[in-house]
Every structure is written in structure tokens, then in C-alpha cells.
């Protein structure tokens, strides 16, 4: 059962989204607002993971946090553009990368 504060937050979110949007139904707006909140959470978790990650020089692969952050931003912008379109049809700016593995360059041989 949602708490009163949580219900108030949902109603406030719905009111804000509803007043600035005309593209989505009320229930869809709520769901898309929740998606945006989850994207914020994922971004915070990725930032935290990046700060605690240790880069070993002998590791072949590393996680590409920058690319992940860029994809999250692209998704967030797409949802926001749908909720508050600036024109009748939105356009797809491009696909997501989806590949978050960085190859470590080979070490140079010692002289």
C-alpha cells in the first residue's frame, strides 16, 4: 500500500507532467515519469560503480561508463520529447550503442 507521501508525490508528478504535456494519456504519463525516475536511479548507480571500479592494467576489457551515460541521456531525451513534443512528429536521432565493453590497448613492450 503506497504511503501518503508517495501518493502525493505521484499526484504532483502527474500534475506537472499533465500541465506540460499533451501527447500521452494520464496513465501513460505516470508510467513514463516512473521510467524517467528509474533512469535517474540507473545513472546514479552507474556513476557510483564507476567511482569504485578499479582499472587493472592487465585487464583486457573495461566497462564503458561514458557510453552507458550517453545512452541513458538519449533515452531520457526521447521520453521527454514524447511527453512535451515541440512539433507534431518526433524523429529518431539514432540508435543506442548497447556495447559497453572497452578493449584495453595492448601494453607497449619494454625497451
PDB file of N, CA and C in Angstrom:
ATOM      1  N   UNK A   1       0.846  -1.184   0.000  1.00  0.00           N
ATOM      2  CA  UNK A   1       0.000   0.000   0.000  1.00  0.00           C
ATOM      3  C   UNK A   1       0.885   1.239   0.000  1.00  0.00           C
ATOM      4  N   UNK A   2       0.751   2.096  -0.967  1.00  0.00           N
ATOM      5  CA  UNK A   2       1.587   3.289  -1.030  1.00  0.00           C
ATOM      6  C   UNK A   2       1.346   4.206   0.160  1.00  0.00           C
ATOM      7  N   UNK A   3       2.398   4.835   0.613  1.00  0.00           N
ATOM      8  CA  UNK A   3       2.258   5.782   1.712  1.00  0.00           C
ATOM      9  C   UNK A   3       1.618   7.068   1.209  1.00  0.00           C
ATOM     10  N   UNK A   4       1.180   7.878   2.136  1.00  0.00           N
ATOM     11  CA  UNK A   4       0.544   9.143   1.773  1.00  0.00           C
ATOM     12  C   UNK A   4       1.529  10.042   1.030  1.00  0.00           C
ATOM     13  N   UNK A   5       2.783  10.093   1.497  1.00  0.00           N
ATOM     14  CA  UNK A   5       3.788  10.926   0.834  1.00  0.00           C
ATOM     15  C   UNK A   5       4.022  10.443  -0.590  1.00  0.00           C
ATOM     16  N   UNK A   6       4.070   9.126  -0.765  1.00  0.00           N
ATOM     17  CA  UNK A   6       4.283   8.561  -2.097  1.00  0.00           C
ATOM     18  C   UNK A   6       3.113   8.909  -3.010  1.00  0.00           C
ATOM     19  N   UNK A   7       1.888   8.803  -2.493  1.00  0.00           N
ATOM     20  CA  UNK A   7       0.707   9.170  -3.278  1.00  0.00           C
ATOM     21  C   UNK A   7       0.738  10.637  -3.667  1.00  0.00           C
ATOM     22  N   UNK A   8       1.116  11.494  -2.713  1.00  0.00           N
ATOM     23  CA  UNK A   8       1.208  12.926  -3.006  1.00  0.00           C
ATOM     24  C   UNK A   8       2.249  13.186  -4.081  1.00  0.00           C
ATOM     25  N   UNK A   9       3.382  12.474  -3.983  1.00  0.00           N
ATOM     26  CA  UNK A   9       4.426  12.624  -4.986  1.00  0.00           C
ATOM     27  C   UNK A   9       3.921  12.197  -6.357  1.00  0.00           C
ATOM     28  N   UNK A  10       3.211  11.092  -6.430  1.00  0.00           N
ATOM     29  CA  UNK A  10       2.671  10.635  -7.706  1.00  0.00           C
ATOM     30  C   UNK A  10       1.668  11.636  -8.273  1.00  0.00           C
ATOM     31  N   UNK A  11       0.812  12.166  -7.422  1.00  0.00           N
ATOM     32  CA  UNK A  11      -0.167  13.153  -7.890  1.00  0.00           C
ATOM     33  C   UNK A  11       0.526  14.426  -8.361  1.00  0.00           C
ATOM     34  N   UNK A  12       1.534  14.862  -7.617  1.00  0.00           N
ATOM     35  CA  UNK A  12       2.274  16.050  -8.021  1.00  0.00           C
ATOM     36  C   UNK A  12       2.985  15.802  -9.350  1.00  0.00           C
ATOM     37  N   UNK A  13       3.629  14.638  -9.496  1.00  0.00           N
ATOM     38  CA  UNK A  13       4.299  14.300 -10.753  1.00  0.00           C
ATOM     39  C   UNK A  13       3.315  14.290 -11.913  1.00  0.00           C
ATOM     40  N   UNK A  14       2.165  13.697 -11.687  1.00  0.00           N
ATOM     41  CA  UNK A  14       1.144  13.643 -12.727  1.00  0.00           C
ATOM     42  C   UNK A  14       0.667  15.044 -13.096  1.00  0.00           C
ATOM     43  N   UNK A  15       0.483  15.896 -12.098  1.00  0.00           N
ATOM     44  CA  UNK A  15       0.019  17.255 -12.369  1.00  0.00           C
ATOM     45  C   UNK A  15       1.063  18.040 -13.157  1.00  0.00           C
ATOM     46  N   UNK A  16       2.330  17.886 -12.797  1.00  0.00           N
ATOM     47  CA  UNK A  16       3.397  18.595 -13.514  1.00  0.00           C
ATOM     48  C   UNK A  16       3.481  18.093 -14.951  1.00  0.00           C
ATOM     49  N   UNK A  17       3.505  16.778 -15.108  1.00  0.00           N
ATOM     50  CA  UNK A  17       3.609  16.208 -16.447  1.00  0.00           C
ATOM     51  C   UNK A  17       2.374  16.557 -17.263  1.00  0.00           C
ATOM     52  N   UNK A  18       1.205  16.494 -16.649  1.00  0.00           N
ATOM     53  CA  UNK A  18      -0.026  16.774 -17.375  1.00  0.00           C
ATOM     54  C   UNK A  18      -0.091  18.220 -17.836  1.00  0.00           C
ATOM     55  N   UNK A  19       0.363  19.121 -16.999  1.00  0.00           N
ATOM     56  CA  UNK A  19       0.280  20.532 -17.375  1.00  0.00           C
ATOM     57  C   UNK A  19       1.254  20.885 -18.491  1.00  0.00           C
ATOM     58  N   UNK A  20       2.352  20.122 -18.616  1.00  0.00           N
ATOM     59  CA  UNK A  20       3.337  20.455 -19.644  1.00  0.00           C
ATOM     60  C   UNK A  20       3.259  19.520 -20.834  1.00  0.00           C
ATOM     61  N   UNK A  21       2.231  18.697 -20.908  1.00  0.00           N
ATOM     62  CA  UNK A  21       2.204  17.696 -21.951  1.00  0.00           C
ATOM     63  C   UNK A  21       0.810  17.494 -22.495  1.00  0.00           C
ATOM     64  N   UNK A  22       0.778  17.097 -23.744  1.00  0.00           N
ATOM     65  CA  UNK A  22      -0.489  16.764 -24.349  1.00  0.00           C
ATOM     66  C   UNK A  22      -0.394  15.516 -25.201  1.00  0.00           C
ATOM     67  N   UNK A  23       0.767  14.885 -25.250  1.00  0.00           N
ATOM     68  CA  UNK A  23       0.997  13.767 -26.161  1.00  0.00           C
ATOM     69  C   UNK A  23       0.567  12.427 -25.577  1.00  0.00           C
ATOM     70  N   UNK A  24       0.521  12.286 -24.278  1.00  0.00           N
ATOM     71  CA  UNK A  24       0.277  10.982 -23.680  1.00  0.00           C
ATOM     72  C   UNK A  24      -0.944  11.026 -22.767  1.00  0.00           C
ATOM     73  N   UNK A  25      -1.587   9.868 -22.588  1.00  0.00           N
ATOM     74  CA  UNK A  25      -2.706   9.763 -21.661  1.00  0.00           C
ATOM     75  C   UNK A  25      -2.187   9.886 -20.235  1.00  0.00           C
ATOM     76  N   UNK A  26      -3.089  10.079 -19.302  1.00  0.00           N
ATOM     77  CA  UNK A  26      -2.709  10.229 -17.900  1.00  0.00           C
ATOM     78  C   UNK A  26      -1.941   9.042 -17.364  1.00  0.00           C
ATOM     79  N   UNK A  27      -2.437   7.847 -17.621  1.00  0.00           N
ATOM     80  CA  UNK A  27      -1.762   6.650 -17.118  1.00  0.00           C
ATOM     81  C   UNK A  27      -0.394   6.476 -17.791  1.00  0.00           C
ATOM     82  N   UNK A  28      -0.323   6.778 -19.076  1.00  0.00           N
ATOM     83  CA  UNK A  28       0.946   6.667 -19.791  1.00  0.00           C
ATOM     84  C   UNK A  28       1.947   7.691 -19.250  1.00  0.00           C
ATOM     85  N   UNK A  29       1.489   8.881 -18.942  1.00  0.00           N
ATOM     86  CA  UNK A  29       2.359   9.901 -18.376  1.00  0.00           C
ATOM     87  C   UNK A  29       2.953   9.444 -17.049  1.00  0.00           C
ATOM     88  N   UNK A  30       2.124   8.824 -16.218  1.00  0.00           N
ATOM     89  CA  UNK A  30       2.603   8.319 -14.932  1.00  0.00           C
ATOM     90  C   UNK A  30       3.689   7.276 -15.165  1.00  0.00           C
ATOM     91  N   UNK A  31       3.432   6.351 -16.083  1.00  0.00           N
ATOM     92  CA  UNK A  31       4.409   5.292 -16.352  1.00  0.00           C
ATOM     93  C   UNK A  31       5.708   5.865 -16.923  1.00  0.00           C
ATOM     94  N   UNK A  32       5.600   6.818 -17.820  1.00  0.00           N
ATOM     95  CA  UNK A  32       6.801   7.416 -18.397  1.00  0.00           C
ATOM     96  C   UNK A  32       7.558   8.246 -17.361  1.00  0.00           C
ATOM     97  N   UNK A  33       6.847   8.877 -16.443  1.00  0.00           N
ATOM     98  CA  UNK A  33       7.513   9.590 -15.357  1.00  0.00           C
ATOM     99  C   UNK A  33       8.282   8.625 -14.468  1.00  0.00           C
ATOM    100  N   UNK A  34       7.694   7.468 -14.224  1.00  0.00           N
ATOM    101  CA  UNK A  34       8.390   6.443 -13.438  1.00  0.00           C
ATOM    102  C   UNK A  34       9.628   5.942 -14.180  1.00  0.00           C
ATOM    103  N   UNK A  35       9.536   5.816 -15.485  1.00  0.00           N
ATOM    104  CA  UNK A  35      10.699   5.411 -16.279  1.00  0.00           C
ATOM    105  C   UNK A  35      11.808   6.454 -16.136  1.00  0.00           C
ATOM    106  N   UNK A  36      11.453   7.725 -16.188  1.00  0.00           N
ATOM    107  CA  UNK A  36      12.454   8.776 -16.030  1.00  0.00           C
ATOM    108  C   UNK A  36      13.113   8.709 -14.650  1.00  0.00           C
ATOM    109  N   UNK A  37      12.338   8.434 -13.624  1.00  0.00           N
ATOM    110  CA  UNK A  37      12.901   8.298 -12.282  1.00  0.00           C
ATOM    111  C   UNK A  37      13.854   7.108 -12.224  1.00  0.00           C
ATOM    112  N   UNK A  38      13.472   6.012 -12.868  1.00  0.00           N
ATOM    113  CA  UNK A  38      14.338   4.833 -12.878  1.00  0.00           C
ATOM    114  C   UNK A  38      15.610   5.094 -13.668  1.00  0.00           C
ATOM    115  N   UNK A  39      15.533   5.865 -14.737  1.00  0.00           N
ATOM    116  CA  UNK A  39      16.739   6.243 -15.478  1.00  0.00           C
ATOM    117  C   UNK A  39      17.674   7.069 -14.596  1.00  0.00           C
ATOM    118  N   UNK A  40      17.098   7.966 -13.785  1.00  0.00           N
ATOM    119  CA  UNK A  40      17.915   8.735 -12.844  1.00  0.00           C
ATOM    120  C   UNK A  40      18.625   7.807 -11.869  1.00  0.00           C
ATOM    121  N   UNK A  41      17.903   6.808 -11.366  1.00  0.00           N
ATOM    122  CA  UNK A  41      18.479   5.854 -10.436  1.00  0.00           C
ATOM    123  C   UNK A  41      19.593   5.046 -11.100  1.00  0.00           C
ATOM    124  N   UNK A  42      19.344   4.584 -12.316  1.00  0.00           N
ATOM    125  CA  UNK A  42      20.358   3.814 -13.041  1.00  0.00           C
ATOM    126  C   UNK A  42      21.599   4.666 -13.268  1.00  0.00           C
ATOM    127  N   UNK A  43      21.399   5.917 -13.612  1.00  0.00           N
ATOM    128  CA  UNK A  43      22.539   6.803 -13.851  1.00  0.00           C
ATOM    129  C   UNK A  43      23.345   7.011 -12.574  1.00  0.00           C
ATOM    130  N   UNK A  44      22.662   7.196 -11.446  1.00  0.00           N
ATOM    131  CA  UNK A  44      23.365   7.340 -10.160  1.00  0.00           C
ATOM    132  C   UNK A  44      24.135   6.074  -9.821  1.00  0.00           C
ATOM    133  N   UNK A  45      23.525   4.899 -10.051  1.00  0.00           N
ATOM    134  CA  UNK A  45      24.207   3.637  -9.772  1.00  0.00           C
ATOM    135  C   UNK A  45      25.429   3.459 -10.666  1.00  0.00           C
ATOM    136  N   UNK A  46      25.309   3.841 -11.924  1.00  0.00           N
ATOM    137  CA  UNK A  46      26.442   3.731 -12.844  1.00  0.00           C
ATOM    138  C   UNK A  46      27.576   4.663 -12.420  1.00  0.00           C
ATOM    139  N   UNK A  47      27.222   5.867 -11.994  1.00  0.00           N
ATOM    140  CA  UNK A  47      28.239   6.811 -11.524  1.00  0.00           C
ATOM    141  C   UNK A  47      28.942   6.262 -10.296  1.00  0.00           C
ATOM    142  N   UNK A  48      28.178   5.692  -9.386  1.00  0.00           N
ATOM    143  CA  UNK A  48      28.756   5.102  -8.182  1.00  0.00           C
ATOM    144  C   UNK A  48      29.654   3.919  -8.541  1.00  0.00           C
ATOM    145  N   UNK A  49      29.201   3.082  -9.469  1.00  0.00           N
ATOM    146  CA  UNK A  49      30.010   1.931  -9.884  1.00  0.00           C
ATOM    147  C   UNK A  49      31.306   2.384 -10.542  1.00  0.00           C
ATOM    148  N   UNK A  50      31.226   3.455 -11.312  1.00  0.00           N
ATOM    149  CA  UNK A  50      32.424   3.965 -11.983  1.00  0.00           C
ATOM    150  C   UNK A  50      33.441   4.477 -10.971  1.00  0.00           C
ATOM    151  N   UNK A  51      32.966   5.126  -9.918  1.00  0.00           N
ATOM    152  CA  UNK A  51      33.891   5.675  -8.927  1.00  0.00           C
ATOM    153  C   UNK A  51      34.574   4.585  -8.110  1.00  0.00           C
ATOM    154  N   UNK A  52      33.928   3.447  -7.925  1.00  0.00           N
ATOM    155  CA  UNK A  52      34.548   2.370  -7.143  1.00  0.00           C
ATOM    156  C   UNK A  52      35.255   1.337  -8.011  1.00  0.00           C
ATOM    157  N   UNK A  53      35.147   1.476  -9.329  1.00  0.00           N
ATOM    158  CA  UNK A  53      35.792   0.496 -10.197  1.00  0.00           C
ATOM    159  C   UNK A  53      37.299   0.685 -10.145  1.00  0.00           C
ATOM    160  N   UNK A  54      37.992  -0.416 -10.204  1.00  0.00           N
ATOM    161  CA  UNK A  54      39.447  -0.382 -10.231  1.00  0.00           C
ATOM    162  C   UNK A  54      39.901  -0.840 -11.593  1.00  0.00           C
ATOM    163  N   UNK A  55      40.734  -0.064 -12.210  1.00  0.00           N
ATOM    164  CA  UNK A  55      41.236  -0.408 -13.532  1.00  0.00           C
ATOM    165  C   UNK A  55      42.595  -1.071 -13.373  1.00  0.00           C
ATOM    166  N   UNK A  56      42.596  -2.348 -13.582  1.00  0.00           N
ATOM    167  CA  UNK A  56      43.849  -3.086 -13.539  1.00  0.00           C
ATOM    168  C   UNK A  56      44.516  -2.973 -14.893  1.00  0.00           C
ATOM    169  N   UNK A  57      45.803  -2.709 -14.924  1.00  0.00           N
ATOM    170  CA  UNK A  57      46.475  -2.551 -16.217  1.00  0.00           C
ATOM    171  C   UNK A  57      46.492  -3.831 -17.053  1.00  0.00           C
ATOM    172  N   UNK A  58      46.369  -4.985 -16.429  1.00  0.00           N
ATOM    173  CA  UNK A  58      46.418  -6.238 -17.189  1.00  0.00           C
ATOM    174  C   UNK A  58      45.035  -6.748 -17.602  1.00  0.00           C
ATOM    175  N   UNK A  59      43.971  -6.008 -17.265  1.00  0.00           N
ATOM    176  CA  UNK A  59      42.637  -6.411 -17.693  1.00  0.00           C
ATOM    177  C   UNK A  59      42.458  -6.079 -19.165  1.00  0.00           C
ATOM    178  N   UNK A  60      41.841  -6.996 -19.887  1.00  0.00           N
ATOM    179  CA  UNK A  60      41.666  -6.794 -21.321  1.00  0.00           C
ATOM    180  C   UNK A  60      40.490  -5.879 -21.627  1.00  0.00           C
ATOM    181  N   UNK A  61      39.431  -5.968 -20.824  1.00  0.00           N
ATOM    182  CA  UNK A  61      38.217  -5.190 -21.078  1.00  0.00           C
ATOM    183  C   UNK A  61      37.861  -4.358 -19.861  1.00  0.00           C
ATOM    184  N   UNK A  62      37.218  -3.230 -20.138  1.00  0.00           N
ATOM    185  CA  UNK A  62      36.688  -2.353 -19.102  1.00  0.00           C
ATOM    186  C   UNK A  62      35.278  -1.954 -19.512  1.00  0.00           C
ATOM    187  N   UNK A  63      34.448  -1.629 -18.526  1.00  0.00           N
ATOM    188  CA  UNK A  63      33.089  -1.191 -18.816  1.00  0.00           C
ATOM    189  C   UNK A  63      33.124   0.250 -19.273  1.00  0.00           C
ATOM    190  N   UNK A  64      32.398   0.568 -20.330  1.00  0.00           N
ATOM    191  CA  UNK A  64      32.370   1.904 -20.908  1.00  0.00           C
ATOM    192  C   UNK A  64      31.238   2.704 -20.263  1.00  0.00           C
ATOM    193  N   UNK A  65      31.534   3.330 -19.132  1.00  0.00           N
ATOM    194  CA  UNK A  65      30.526   4.097 -18.397  1.00  0.00           C
ATOM    195  C   UNK A  65      30.079   5.332 -19.168  1.00  0.00           C
ATOM    196  N   UNK A  66      30.970   5.945 -19.903  1.00  0.00           N
ATOM    197  CA  UNK A  66      30.606   7.127 -20.681  1.00  0.00           C
ATOM    198  C   UNK A  66      29.548   6.781 -21.722  1.00  0.00           C
ATOM    199  N   UNK A  67      29.719   5.682 -22.412  1.00  0.00           N
ATOM    200  CA  UNK A  67      28.746   5.273 -23.435  1.00  0.00           C
ATOM    201  C   UNK A  67      27.404   4.944 -22.799  1.00  0.00           C
ATOM    202  N   UNK A  68      27.433   4.286 -21.640  1.00  0.00           N
ATOM    203  CA  UNK A  68      26.191   3.982 -20.925  1.00  0.00           C
ATOM    204  C   UNK A  68      25.464   5.268 -20.550  1.00  0.00           C
ATOM    205  N   UNK A  69      26.200   6.231 -20.029  1.00  0.00           N
ATOM    206  CA  UNK A  69      25.598   7.505 -19.644  1.00  0.00           C
ATOM    207  C   UNK A  69      25.005   8.221 -20.851  1.00  0.00           C
ATOM    208  N   UNK A  70      25.689   8.176 -21.975  1.00  0.00           N
ATOM    209  CA  UNK A  70      25.163   8.801 -23.185  1.00  0.00           C
ATOM    210  C   UNK A  70      23.874   8.122 -23.648  1.00  0.00           C
ATOM    211  N   UNK A  71      23.820   6.794 -23.568  1.00  0.00           N
ATOM    212  CA  UNK A  71      22.599   6.078 -23.949  1.00  0.00           C
ATOM    213  C   UNK A  71      21.447   6.397 -23.003  1.00  0.00           C
ATOM    214  N   UNK A  72      21.733   6.493 -21.709  1.00  0.00           N
ATOM    215  CA  UNK A  72      20.692   6.849 -20.739  1.00  0.00           C
ATOM    216  C   UNK A  72      20.152   8.244 -21.058  1.00  0.00           C
ATOM    217  N   UNK A  73      21.051   9.173 -21.373  1.00  0.00           N
ATOM    218  CA  UNK A  73      20.629  10.534 -21.731  1.00  0.00           C
ATOM    219  C   UNK A  73      19.758  10.527 -22.988  1.00  0.00           C
ATOM    220  N   UNK A  74      20.130   9.700 -23.954  1.00  0.00           N
ATOM    221  CA  UNK A  74      19.356   9.620 -25.203  1.00  0.00           C
ATOM    222  C   UNK A  74      17.951   9.067 -24.923  1.00  0.00           C
ATOM    223  N   UNK A  75      17.851   8.061 -24.070  1.00  0.00           N
ATOM    224  CA  UNK A  75      16.541   7.504 -23.720  1.00  0.00           C
ATOM    225  C   UNK A  75      15.714   8.550 -22.980  1.00  0.00           C
ATOM    226  N   UNK A  76      16.353   9.219 -22.001  1.00  0.00           N
ATOM    227  CA  UNK A  76      15.654  10.246 -21.225  1.00  0.00           C
ATOM    228  C   UNK A  76      15.138  11.352 -22.143  1.00  0.00           C
ATOM    229  N   UNK A  77      15.952  11.783 -23.089  1.00  0.00           N
ATOM    230  CA  UNK A  77      15.549  12.838 -24.023  1.00  0.00           C
ATOM    231  C   UNK A  77      14.393  12.368 -24.902  1.00  0.00           C
ATOM    232  N   UNK A  78      14.426  11.105 -25.325  1.00  0.00           N
ATOM    233  CA  UNK A  78      13.337  10.576 -26.135  1.00  0.00           C
ATOM    234  C   UNK A  78      12.011  10.562 -25.388  1.00  0.00           C
ATOM    235  N   UNK A  79      12.051  10.154 -24.116  1.00  0.00           N
ATOM    236  CA  UNK A  79      10.831  10.155 -23.307  1.00  0.00           C
ATOM    237  C   UNK A  79      10.346  11.589 -23.114  1.00  0.00           C
ATOM    238  N   UNK A  80      11.267  12.500 -22.815  1.00  0.00           N
ATOM    239  CA  UNK A  80      10.885  13.890 -22.601  1.00  0.00           C
ATOM    240  C   UNK A  80      10.312  14.506 -23.876  1.00  0.00           C
ATOM    241  N   UNK A  81      10.915  14.188 -25.017  1.00  0.00           N
ATOM    242  CA  UNK A  81      10.395  14.706 -26.285  1.00  0.00           C
ATOM    243  C   UNK A  81       9.002  14.169 -26.585  1.00  0.00           C
ATOM    244  N   UNK A  82       8.719  12.939 -26.168  1.00  0.00           N
ATOM    245  CA  UNK A  82       7.389  12.381 -26.361  1.00  0.00           C
ATOM    246  C   UNK A  82       6.381  13.080 -25.452  1.00  0.00           C
ATOM    247  N   UNK A  83       6.779  13.314 -24.198  1.00  0.00           N
ATOM    248  CA  UNK A  83       5.866  13.950 -23.255  1.00  0.00           C
ATOM    249  C   UNK A  83       5.620  15.420 -23.585  1.00  0.00           C
ATOM    250  N   UNK A  84       6.615  16.087 -24.139  1.00  0.00           N
ATOM    251  CA  UNK A  84       6.493  17.510 -24.471  1.00  0.00           C
ATOM    252  C   UNK A  84       7.020  17.744 -25.880  1.00  0.00           C
ATOM    253  N   UNK A  85       6.278  17.303 -26.873  1.00  0.00           N
ATOM    254  CA  UNK A  85       6.780  17.443 -28.243  1.00  0.00           C
ATOM    255  C   UNK A  85       6.810  18.901 -28.686  1.00  0.00           C
ATOM    256  N   UNK A  86       7.838  19.221 -29.477  1.00  0.00           N
ATOM    257  CA  UNK A  86       7.936  20.575 -29.995  1.00  0.00           C
ATOM    258  C   UNK A  86       7.297  20.681 -31.374  1.00  0.00           C
ATOM    259  N   UNK A  87       6.995  19.534 -31.965  1.00  0.00           N
ATOM    260  CA  UNK A  87       6.313  19.516 -33.259  1.00  0.00           C
ATOM    261  C   UNK A  87       5.445  18.258 -33.316  1.00  0.00           C
ATOM    262  N   UNK A  88       4.688  18.112 -34.374  1.00  0.00           N
ATOM    263  CA  UNK A  88       3.729  17.013 -34.466  1.00  0.00           C
ATOM    264  C   UNK A  88       4.387  15.638 -34.442  1.00  0.00           C
ATOM    265  N   UNK A  89       5.465  15.440 -35.174  1.00  0.00           N
ATOM    266  CA  UNK A  89       6.112  14.126 -35.228  1.00  0.00           C
ATOM    267  C   UNK A  89       7.511  14.213 -34.637  1.00  0.00           C
ATOM    268  N   UNK A  90       7.830  13.281 -33.765  1.00  0.00           N
ATOM    269  CA  UNK A  90       9.193  13.229 -33.254  1.00  0.00           C
ATOM    270  C   UNK A  90      10.048  12.457 -34.245  1.00  0.00           C
ATOM    271  N   UNK A  91      11.320  12.710 -34.200  1.00  0.00           N
ATOM    272  CA  UNK A  91      12.225  11.991 -35.090  1.00  0.00           C
ATOM    273  C   UNK A  91      13.213  11.205 -34.262  1.00  0.00           C
ATOM    274  N   UNK A  92      13.694  10.127 -34.819  1.00  0.00           N
ATOM    275  CA  UNK A  92      14.641   9.265 -34.139  1.00  0.00           C
ATOM    276  C   UNK A  92      16.051   9.786 -34.407  1.00  0.00           C
ATOM    277  N   UNK A  93      16.748  10.272 -33.366  1.00  0.00           N
ATOM    278  CA  UNK A  93      18.074  10.838 -33.592  1.00  0.00           C
ATOM    279  C   UNK A  93      19.142   9.781 -33.853  1.00  0.00           C
ATOM    280  N   UNK A  94      18.855   8.539 -33.632  1.00  0.00           N
ATOM    281  CA  UNK A  94      19.837   7.482 -33.852  1.00  0.00           C
ATOM    282  C   UNK A  94      19.645   6.381 -32.843  1.00  0.00           C
ATOM    283  N   UNK A  95      20.305   5.286 -33.095  1.00  0.00           N
ATOM    284  CA  UNK A  95      20.169   4.136 -32.215  1.00  0.00           C
ATOM    285  C   UNK A  95      21.093   4.210 -31.018  1.00  0.00           C
ATOM    286  N   UNK A  96      20.813   3.346 -30.070  1.00  0.00           N
ATOM    287  CA  UNK A  96      21.665   3.233 -28.899  1.00  0.00           C
ATOM    288  C   UNK A  96      22.883   2.405 -29.250  1.00  0.00           C
ATOM    289  N   UNK A  97      23.917   2.608 -28.504  1.00  0.00           N
ATOM    290  CA  UNK A  97      25.138   1.855 -28.742  1.00  0.00           C
ATOM    291  C   UNK A  97      24.946   0.412 -28.295  1.00  0.00           C
ATOM    292  N   UNK A  98      24.612   0.217 -27.028  1.00  0.00           N
ATOM    293  CA  UNK A  98      24.366  -1.113 -26.499  1.00  0.00           C
ATOM    294  C   UNK A  98      25.615  -1.923 -26.230  1.00  0.00           C
ATOM    295  N   UNK A  99      26.780  -1.472 -26.666  1.00  0.00           N
ATOM    296  CA  UNK A  99      28.031  -2.191 -26.449  1.00  0.00           C
ATOM    297  C   UNK A  99      28.839  -1.388 -25.452  1.00  0.00           C
ATOM    298  N   UNK A 100      29.002  -1.911 -24.245  1.00  0.00           N
ATOM    299  CA  UNK A 100      29.636  -1.158 -23.179  1.00  0.00           C
ATOM    300  C   UNK A 100      30.981  -1.749 -22.762  1.00  0.00           C
ATOM    301  N   UNK A 101      31.618  -2.491 -23.648  1.00  0.00           N
ATOM    302  CA  UNK A 101      32.900  -3.090 -23.329  1.00  0.00           C
ATOM    303  C   UNK A 101      33.991  -2.321 -24.055  1.00  0.00           C
ATOM    304  N   UNK A 102      34.974  -1.850 -23.297  1.00  0.00           N
ATOM    305  CA  UNK A 102      36.117  -1.158 -23.859  1.00  0.00           C
ATOM    306  C   UNK A 102      37.300  -2.117 -23.915  1.00  0.00           C
ATOM    307  N   UNK A 103      37.944  -2.205 -25.039  1.00  0.00           N
ATOM    308  CA  UNK A 103      39.153  -3.000 -25.128  1.00  0.00           C
ATOM    309  C   UNK A 103      40.308  -2.192 -24.580  1.00  0.00           C
ATOM    310  N   UNK A 104      41.135  -2.846 -23.778  1.00  0.00           N
ATOM    311  CA  UNK A 104      42.315  -2.200 -23.269  1.00  0.00           C
ATOM    312  C   UNK A 104      43.400  -2.272 -24.329  1.00  0.00           C
ATOM    313  N   UNK A 105      44.017  -1.145 -24.670  1.00  0.00           N
ATOM    314  CA  UNK A 105      45.057  -1.202 -25.685  1.00  0.00           C
ATOM    315  C   UNK A 105      46.209  -2.069 -25.204  1.00  0.00           C
ATOM    316  N   UNK A 106      46.840  -2.790 -26.121  1.00  0.00           N
ATOM    317  CA  UNK A 106      47.939  -3.660 -25.697  1.00  0.00           C
ATOM    318  C   UNK A 106      49.084  -2.824 -25.119  1.00  0.00           C
ATOM    319  N   UNK A 107      49.714  -3.374 -24.118  1.00  0.00           N
ATOM    320  CA  UNK A 107      50.829  -2.681 -23.482  1.00  0.00           C
ATOM    321  C   UNK A 107      52.016  -2.646 -24.427  1.00  0.00           C
ATOM    322  N   UNK A 108      52.717  -1.518 -24.412  1.00  0.00           N
ATOM    323  CA  UNK A 108      53.886  -1.401 -25.256  1.00  0.00           C
ATOM    324  C   UNK A 108      55.021  -2.205 -24.645  1.00  0.00           C
ATOM    325  N   UNK A 109      55.795  -2.908 -25.512  1.00  0.00           N
ATOM    326  CA  UNK A 109      56.889  -3.701 -24.974  1.00  0.00           C
ATOM    327  C   UNK A 109      57.959  -2.800 -24.347  1.00  0.00           C
ATOM    328  N   UNK A 110      58.550  -3.300 -23.294  1.00  0.00           N
ATOM    329  CA  UNK A 110      59.601  -2.547 -22.611  1.00  0.00           C
ATOM    330  C   UNK A 110      60.856  -2.511 -23.481  1.00  0.00           C
ATOM    331  N   UNK A 111      61.575  -1.389 -23.487  1.00  0.00           N
ATOM    332  CA  UNK A 111      62.762  -1.295 -24.345  1.00  0.00           C
ATOM    333  C   UNK A 111      63.897  -2.162 -23.879  1.00  0.00           C
TER     334      UNK A 111
END
